[in-house]
Protein backbone atom coordinates (compact mmCIF):
# COMPACT_ATOMS: atom_id res chain seq x y z
CA MET A 1 0.13 0.05 0.11
CA LEU A 2 2.82 2.26 0.80
CA VAL A 3 4.53 1.49 -2.45
CA ASP A 4 1.27 2.57 -4.16
CA LEU A 5 1.51 5.99 -2.49
CA LEU A 6 4.81 6.86 -3.04
CA PRO A 7 5.02 8.58 -6.35
CA THR A 8 2.19 10.71 -5.41
CA LEU A 9 3.91 11.83 -1.82
CA LEU A 10 7.27 12.44 -4.08
CA ALA A 11 5.13 14.49 -6.66
CA ALA A 12 3.38 16.38 -3.84
CA SER A 13 6.65 16.75 -1.82
CA LEU A 14 8.56 18.18 -4.99
CA ALA A 15 5.54 20.59 -5.82
CA ALA A 16 5.64 21.80 -2.10
CA PHE A 17 9.26 22.54 -2.32
CA LEU A 18 9.03 24.19 -5.90
CA LEU A 19 6.23 26.28 -5.04
CA ALA A 20 7.76 27.41 -1.52
CA LEU A 21 11.00 28.50 -3.82
CA LEU A 22 8.85 30.40 -6.16
CA SER A 23 6.98 32.07 -3.21
CA ALA A 24 10.12 33.12 -1.77
CA VAL A 25 11.63 34.69 -4.65
CA ALA A 26 8.46 36.13 -6.25
CA GLY A 27 6.90 37.13 -2.91
CA PHE A 28 3.13 36.07 -3.43
CA GLY A 29 1.45 33.08 -2.12
CA GLY A 30 2.79 29.54 -2.79
CA GLY A 31 -0.38 27.91 -0.50
CA ALA A 32 -2.89 29.31 -3.12
CA LEU A 33 -0.85 27.68 -5.87
CA LEU A 34 -0.16 24.42 -4.01
CA MET A 35 -3.90 24.01 -3.21
CA SER A 36 -4.42 23.28 -6.72
CA VAL A 37 -1.81 20.87 -7.21
CA PHE A 38 -2.94 18.81 -3.61
CA THR A 39 -6.39 18.93 -5.25
CA ALA A 40 -5.18 17.08 -8.50
CA LEU A 41 -3.22 14.76 -6.46
CA PHE A 42 -5.39 13.93 -3.53
CA GLY A 43 -8.66 15.41 -3.97
CA LEU A 44 -10.48 18.01 -2.53
CA ARG A 45 -11.80 16.34 0.54
CA VAL A 46 -8.33 15.56 1.69
CA ALA A 47 -6.86 19.00 -0.04
CA VAL A 48 -8.75 21.50 2.04
CA PRO A 49 -8.03 20.36 5.38
CA MET A 50 -4.29 19.99 4.63
CA LEU A 51 -3.97 23.62 3.77
CA PRO A 52 -5.13 26.24 6.47
């Protein structure tokens, strides 16, 4: 089961890192951009509680 989730978790981790880097450089909220990535990867029911 964990092996099945590994690619999804790696994609989410990479997206979080890249969007945090973009947010630090550009100065706008990476959380808003990350919401769309997490929604695509995990679905809306899981993505909304992840990001306050």
